Amino acid sequence: MITVLIKSFLTFFAIYGLVQLIKDIIDFFALSSDHANETVIVIKVKNSEETLEGVVRSVIWKCLKSSFWGKIPDILIVDLGSDDSTAQIAQKLCEDYSFIYYTTEDLYNKAKGYDDEI
């Protein structure tokens, strides 16, 4: 009797594990690698030399743990006119990570189609 019960449990968990594996494989192939890159996280900063790196690393960790399936979306750091070393820190992050980009507020507004004379 106990042998039948143990075999039933093992069979159940084997089937459950197989179903989960198939589901994960389908999810992996259903989501192309470009899906994460369709999302861009914009971080606007000004005089944030003390907090910028921590914020960016926090965003990276949250993306790894969340529904991006281990993929990190592009991160755009927009400098709103910092007069400290925020720009240098942002550029260093860009060098360290291929998915991080840095721009200034003027270039960001031009890219979005905003006119400076509004």
N, C-alpha and C. Protein backbone atom coordinates (compact mmCIF):
# COMPACT_ATOMS: atom_id res chain seq x y z
N MET A 1 0.83 -1.20 0.00
CA MET A 1 0.00 0.00 0.00
C MET A 1 0.87 1.26 0.00
N ILE A 2 1.87 1.29 0.87
CA ILE A 2 2.76 2.45 0.94
C ILE A 2 3.55 2.58 -0.36
N THR A 3 3.93 1.49 -0.94
CA THR A 3 4.68 1.51 -2.20
C THR A 3 3.84 2.16 -3.31
N VAL A 4 2.57 1.80 -3.36
CA VAL A 4 1.67 2.39 -4.37
C VAL A 4 1.53 3.89 -4.13
N LEU A 5 1.40 4.28 -2.88
CA LEU A 5 1.26 5.69 -2.54
C LEU A 5 2.52 6.48 -2.92
N ILE A 6 3.68 5.92 -2.63
CA ILE A 6 4.95 6.59 -2.98
C ILE A 6 5.09 6.69 -4.49
N LYS A 7 4.77 5.62 -5.20
CA LYS A 7 4.85 5.64 -6.67
C LYS A 7 3.87 6.67 -7.25
N SER A 8 2.70 6.80 -6.64
CA SER A 8 1.72 7.79 -7.11
C SER A 8 2.25 9.21 -6.94
N PHE A 9 2.84 9.49 -5.77
CA PHE A 9 3.42 10.81 -5.54
C PHE A 9 4.56 11.10 -6.51
N LEU A 10 5.43 10.14 -6.70
CA LEU A 10 6.56 10.33 -7.62
C LEU A 10 6.08 10.55 -9.06
N THR A 11 5.07 9.81 -9.45
CA THR A 11 4.50 9.98 -10.79
C THR A 11 3.88 11.36 -10.93
N PHE A 12 3.13 11.78 -9.91
CA PHE A 12 2.52 13.11 -9.95
C PHE A 12 3.58 14.20 -10.10
N PHE A 13 4.63 14.16 -9.28
CA PHE A 13 5.66 15.19 -9.33
C PHE A 13 6.46 15.13 -10.63
N ALA A 14 6.65 13.94 -11.17
CA ALA A 14 7.35 13.82 -12.45
C ALA A 14 6.53 14.46 -13.57
N ILE A 15 5.24 14.17 -13.58
CA ILE A 15 4.36 14.76 -14.60
C ILE A 15 4.27 16.27 -14.42
N TYR A 16 4.13 16.71 -13.17
CA TYR A 16 4.05 18.15 -12.89
C TYR A 16 5.34 18.85 -13.35
N GLY A 17 6.49 18.27 -13.05
CA GLY A 17 7.76 18.85 -13.48
C GLY A 17 7.88 18.89 -14.98
N LEU A 18 7.43 17.86 -15.66
CA LEU A 18 7.48 17.82 -17.12
C LEU A 18 6.57 18.90 -17.72
N VAL A 19 5.38 19.06 -17.15
CA VAL A 19 4.46 20.10 -17.64
C VAL A 19 5.08 21.49 -17.44
N GLN A 20 5.69 21.72 -16.29
CA GLN A 20 6.33 23.02 -16.03
C GLN A 20 7.49 23.25 -17.00
N LEU A 21 8.28 22.23 -17.28
CA LEU A 21 9.39 22.36 -18.21
C LEU A 21 8.89 22.71 -19.61
N ILE A 22 7.85 22.03 -20.05
CA ILE A 22 7.28 22.33 -21.38
C ILE A 22 6.73 23.75 -21.41
N LYS A 23 6.06 24.16 -20.34
CA LYS A 23 5.53 25.52 -20.27
C LYS A 23 6.66 26.55 -20.34
N ASP A 24 7.75 26.31 -19.60
CA ASP A 24 8.88 27.23 -19.63
C ASP A 24 9.53 27.29 -21.01
N ILE A 25 9.63 26.16 -21.69
CA ILE A 25 10.20 26.15 -23.04
C ILE A 25 9.32 26.92 -24.00
N ILE A 26 8.01 26.72 -23.91
CA ILE A 26 7.09 27.46 -24.78
C ILE A 26 7.17 28.95 -24.50
N ASP A 27 7.20 29.34 -23.22
CA ASP A 27 7.32 30.76 -22.87
C ASP A 27 8.62 31.35 -23.40
N PHE A 28 9.70 30.59 -23.30
CA PHE A 28 11.00 31.08 -23.76
C PHE A 28 10.97 31.36 -25.26
N PHE A 29 10.42 30.43 -26.06
CA PHE A 29 10.42 30.62 -27.49
C PHE A 29 9.32 31.57 -27.95
N ALA A 30 8.26 31.69 -27.18
CA ALA A 30 7.18 32.62 -27.54
C ALA A 30 7.64 34.06 -27.36
N LEU A 31 8.54 34.28 -26.43
CA LEU A 31 9.06 35.62 -26.18
C LEU A 31 10.40 35.74 -26.88
N SER A 32 10.42 36.46 -27.97
CA SER A 32 11.67 36.63 -28.68
C SER A 32 12.63 37.45 -27.83
N SER A 33 13.89 37.35 -28.12
CA SER A 33 14.90 38.07 -27.34
C SER A 33 14.76 39.58 -27.51
N ASP A 34 14.02 40.03 -28.52
CA ASP A 34 13.83 41.45 -28.73
C ASP A 34 12.76 42.04 -27.83
N HIS A 35 11.94 41.20 -27.18
CA HIS A 35 10.87 41.71 -26.33
C HIS A 35 11.38 42.61 -25.22
N ALA A 36 12.45 42.21 -24.58
CA ALA A 36 12.98 43.04 -23.49
C ALA A 36 13.51 44.36 -24.03
N ASN A 37 14.02 44.35 -25.26
CA ASN A 37 14.57 45.57 -25.82
C ASN A 37 13.49 46.50 -26.35
N GLU A 38 12.24 46.06 -26.38
CA GLU A 38 11.16 46.96 -26.76
C GLU A 38 10.84 47.91 -25.61
N THR A 39 11.26 47.56 -24.43
CA THR A 39 11.03 48.38 -23.25
C THR A 39 12.27 49.20 -22.97
N VAL A 40 12.06 50.49 -22.73
CA VAL A 40 13.17 51.37 -22.37
C VAL A 40 12.80 52.05 -21.05
N ILE A 41 13.68 51.94 -20.10
CA ILE A 41 13.48 52.60 -18.82
C ILE A 41 14.24 53.92 -18.89
N VAL A 42 13.53 55.02 -18.69
CA VAL A 42 14.14 56.35 -18.74
C VAL A 42 14.33 56.84 -17.31
N ILE A 43 15.57 57.19 -16.99
CA ILE A 43 15.90 57.73 -15.68
C ILE A 43 16.39 59.15 -15.88
N LYS A 44 15.61 60.11 -15.43
CA LYS A 44 16.01 61.51 -15.54
C LYS A 44 16.73 61.91 -14.26
N VAL A 45 17.91 62.53 -14.42
CA VAL A 45 18.73 62.86 -13.26
C VAL A 45 19.24 64.30 -13.35
N LYS A 46 19.49 64.87 -12.20
CA LYS A 46 20.15 66.17 -12.10
C LYS A 46 20.89 66.20 -10.78
N ASN A 47 22.21 66.38 -10.88
CA ASN A 47 23.07 66.43 -9.70
C ASN A 47 22.85 65.20 -8.81
N SER A 48 22.98 64.04 -9.41
CA SER A 48 22.70 62.78 -8.71
C SER A 48 23.94 61.90 -8.60
N GLU A 49 25.09 62.52 -8.43
CA GLU A 49 26.33 61.74 -8.41
C GLU A 49 26.36 60.71 -7.27
N GLU A 50 25.72 60.99 -6.18
CA GLU A 50 25.78 60.08 -5.04
C GLU A 50 24.79 58.92 -5.15
N THR A 51 23.74 59.08 -5.94
CA THR A 51 22.68 58.06 -5.97
C THR A 51 22.52 57.38 -7.33
N LEU A 52 23.09 57.91 -8.38
CA LEU A 52 22.82 57.40 -9.73
C LEU A 52 23.20 55.93 -9.88
N GLU A 53 24.39 55.58 -9.51
CA GLU A 53 24.83 54.19 -9.70
C GLU A 53 23.96 53.22 -8.90
N GLY A 54 23.60 53.57 -7.69
CA GLY A 54 22.74 52.72 -6.88
C GLY A 54 21.36 52.55 -7.49
N VAL A 55 20.82 53.63 -8.03
CA VAL A 55 19.49 53.57 -8.66
C VAL A 55 19.54 52.66 -9.89
N VAL A 56 20.56 52.83 -10.72
CA VAL A 56 20.67 52.02 -11.93
C VAL A 56 20.83 50.55 -11.57
N ARG A 57 21.69 50.24 -10.62
CA ARG A 57 21.89 48.85 -10.21
C ARG A 57 20.61 48.26 -9.59
N SER A 58 19.86 49.08 -8.89
CA SER A 58 18.60 48.63 -8.33
C SER A 58 17.60 48.30 -9.43
N VAL A 59 17.54 49.14 -10.44
CA VAL A 59 16.65 48.88 -11.59
C VAL A 59 17.05 47.58 -12.28
N ILE A 60 18.34 47.37 -12.45
CA ILE A 60 18.81 46.15 -13.10
C ILE A 60 18.38 44.92 -12.31
N TRP A 61 18.57 44.95 -11.00
CA TRP A 61 18.19 43.81 -10.16
C TRP A 61 16.69 43.58 -10.19
N LYS A 62 15.92 44.65 -10.15
CA LYS A 62 14.45 44.49 -10.18
C LYS A 62 14.00 43.88 -11.50
N CYS A 63 14.66 44.27 -12.60
CA CYS A 63 14.31 43.70 -13.90
C CYS A 63 14.67 42.22 -13.97
N LEU A 64 15.81 41.87 -13.39
CA LEU A 64 16.21 40.46 -13.39
C LEU A 64 15.24 39.61 -12.59
N LYS A 65 14.68 40.18 -11.53
CA LYS A 65 13.77 39.43 -10.67
C LYS A 65 12.33 39.47 -11.15
N SER A 66 12.00 40.39 -12.04
CA SER A 66 10.59 40.57 -12.43
C SER A 66 10.25 39.82 -13.70
N SER A 67 9.25 40.29 -14.37
CA SER A 67 8.67 39.58 -15.50
C SER A 67 9.43 39.75 -16.81
N PHE A 68 10.66 40.18 -16.77
CA PHE A 68 11.44 40.28 -18.01
C PHE A 68 12.16 38.98 -18.31
N TRP A 69 11.92 37.94 -17.53
CA TRP A 69 12.49 36.61 -17.73
C TRP A 69 14.02 36.67 -17.82
N GLY A 70 14.61 37.42 -16.92
CA GLY A 70 16.06 37.48 -16.86
C GLY A 70 16.70 38.39 -17.90
N LYS A 71 15.89 39.08 -18.66
CA LYS A 71 16.42 40.00 -19.66
C LYS A 71 16.27 41.42 -19.13
N ILE A 72 17.25 42.23 -19.42
CA ILE A 72 17.24 43.59 -18.93
C ILE A 72 16.89 44.52 -20.08
N PRO A 73 15.87 45.36 -19.93
CA PRO A 73 15.54 46.31 -21.00
C PRO A 73 16.60 47.40 -21.07
N ASP A 74 16.58 48.14 -22.16
CA ASP A 74 17.50 49.27 -22.29
C ASP A 74 17.18 50.31 -21.23
N ILE A 75 18.23 50.95 -20.73
CA ILE A 75 18.09 52.00 -19.73
C ILE A 75 18.68 53.27 -20.32
N LEU A 76 17.89 54.33 -20.35
CA LEU A 76 18.33 55.62 -20.87
C LEU A 76 18.43 56.60 -19.72
N ILE A 77 19.62 57.11 -19.51
CA ILE A 77 19.84 58.11 -18.48
C ILE A 77 19.82 59.47 -19.15
N VAL A 78 18.90 60.33 -18.73
CA VAL A 78 18.76 61.67 -19.30
C VAL A 78 19.25 62.68 -18.26
N ASP A 79 20.30 63.40 -18.59
CA ASP A 79 20.86 64.40 -17.69
C ASP A 79 20.14 65.72 -17.91
N LEU A 80 19.54 66.23 -16.86
CA LEU A 80 18.76 67.47 -16.94
C LEU A 80 19.60 68.71 -16.64
N GLY A 81 20.89 68.63 -16.84
CA GLY A 81 21.75 69.79 -16.64
C GLY A 81 22.54 69.74 -15.35
N SER A 82 23.12 68.60 -15.05
CA SER A 82 23.88 68.45 -13.81
C SER A 82 25.17 69.26 -13.88
N ASP A 83 25.57 69.78 -12.73
CA ASP A 83 26.84 70.49 -12.66
C ASP A 83 27.81 69.79 -11.71
N ASP A 84 27.54 68.51 -11.44
CA ASP A 84 28.48 67.71 -10.65
C ASP A 84 29.00 66.58 -11.56
N SER A 85 29.44 65.50 -10.99
CA SER A 85 30.03 64.42 -11.81
C SER A 85 29.00 63.37 -12.24
N THR A 86 27.74 63.75 -12.28
CA THR A 86 26.69 62.82 -12.72
C THR A 86 26.95 62.33 -14.14
N ALA A 87 27.35 63.22 -15.04
CA ALA A 87 27.59 62.84 -16.43
C ALA A 87 28.71 61.82 -16.54
N GLN A 88 29.78 62.00 -15.78
CA GLN A 88 30.89 61.05 -15.84
C GLN A 88 30.48 59.69 -15.30
N ILE A 89 29.69 59.68 -14.25
CA ILE A 89 29.21 58.40 -13.69
C ILE A 89 28.30 57.70 -14.69
N ALA A 90 27.42 58.45 -15.33
CA ALA A 90 26.51 57.87 -16.34
C ALA A 90 27.29 57.31 -17.52
N GLN A 91 28.30 58.04 -17.96
CA GLN A 91 29.11 57.55 -19.09
C GLN A 91 29.91 56.31 -18.70
N LYS A 92 30.35 56.23 -17.47
CA LYS A 92 31.05 55.03 -16.99
C LYS A 92 30.10 53.83 -16.97
N LEU A 93 28.87 54.06 -16.55
CA LEU A 93 27.87 52.98 -16.59
C LEU A 93 27.62 52.52 -18.02
N CYS A 94 27.60 53.46 -18.96
CA CYS A 94 27.42 53.12 -20.37
C CYS A 94 28.56 52.25 -20.88
N GLU A 95 29.77 52.54 -20.43
CA GLU A 95 30.93 51.74 -20.83
C GLU A 95 30.85 50.33 -20.22
N ASP A 96 30.35 50.24 -19.00
CA ASP A 96 30.29 48.96 -18.30
C ASP A 96 29.17 48.06 -18.80
N TYR A 97 28.06 48.65 -19.24
CA TYR A 97 26.88 47.88 -19.64
C TYR A 97 26.42 48.32 -21.02
N SER A 98 26.23 47.35 -21.91
CA SER A 98 25.85 47.66 -23.29
C SER A 98 24.39 48.11 -23.43
N PHE A 99 23.58 47.91 -22.42
CA PHE A 99 22.16 48.26 -22.50
C PHE A 99 21.84 49.60 -21.83
N ILE A 100 22.87 50.32 -21.37
CA ILE A 100 22.67 51.63 -20.75
C ILE A 100 23.14 52.71 -21.70
N TYR A 101 22.32 53.73 -21.87
CA TYR A 101 22.63 54.84 -22.77
C TYR A 101 22.51 56.15 -22.00
N TYR A 102 23.26 57.13 -22.43
CA TYR A 102 23.28 58.44 -21.76
C TYR A 102 23.01 59.52 -22.79
N THR A 103 22.22 60.51 -22.40
CA THR A 103 21.98 61.66 -23.27
C THR A 103 21.68 62.88 -22.39
N THR A 104 21.67 64.01 -23.03
CA THR A 104 21.32 65.25 -22.34
C THR A 104 19.84 65.56 -22.57
N GLU A 105 19.33 66.49 -21.80
CA GLU A 105 17.92 66.87 -21.93
C GLU A 105 17.62 67.43 -23.32
N ASP A 106 18.52 68.24 -23.86
CA ASP A 106 18.29 68.83 -25.19
C ASP A 106 18.18 67.76 -26.26
N LEU A 107 19.11 66.81 -26.27
CA LEU A 107 19.07 65.75 -27.27
C LEU A 107 17.87 64.84 -27.07
N TYR A 108 17.50 64.60 -25.83
CA TYR A 108 16.32 63.79 -25.53
C TYR A 108 15.06 64.45 -26.07
N ASN A 109 14.91 65.75 -25.83
CA ASN A 109 13.73 66.47 -26.32
C ASN A 109 13.70 66.52 -27.83
N LYS A 110 14.85 66.69 -28.48
CA LYS A 110 14.89 66.68 -29.95
C LYS A 110 14.49 65.32 -30.49
N ALA A 111 14.96 64.26 -29.84
CA ALA A 111 14.63 62.91 -30.29
C ALA A 111 13.13 62.62 -30.13
N LYS A 112 12.52 63.20 -29.11
CA LYS A 112 11.08 63.01 -28.90
C LYS A 112 10.25 63.94 -29.79
N GLY A 113 10.92 64.88 -30.46
CA GLY A 113 10.20 65.77 -31.37
C GLY A 113 9.76 67.07 -30.74
N TYR A 114 10.26 67.37 -29.55
CA TYR A 114 9.90 68.63 -28.90
C TYR A 114 10.73 69.74 -29.49
N ASP A 115 10.10 70.87 -29.67
CA ASP A 115 10.80 72.05 -30.18
C ASP A 115 11.24 72.90 -28.99
N ASP A 116 12.46 73.42 -29.06
CA ASP A 116 12.98 74.24 -27.97
C ASP A 116 12.22 75.54 -27.80
N GLU A 117 11.48 75.96 -28.80
CA GLU A 117 10.83 77.27 -28.76
C GLU A 117 9.36 77.15 -28.35
N ILE A 118 9.02 76.19 -27.58
CA ILE A 118 7.62 76.03 -27.15
C ILE A 118 7.29 77.05 -26.09
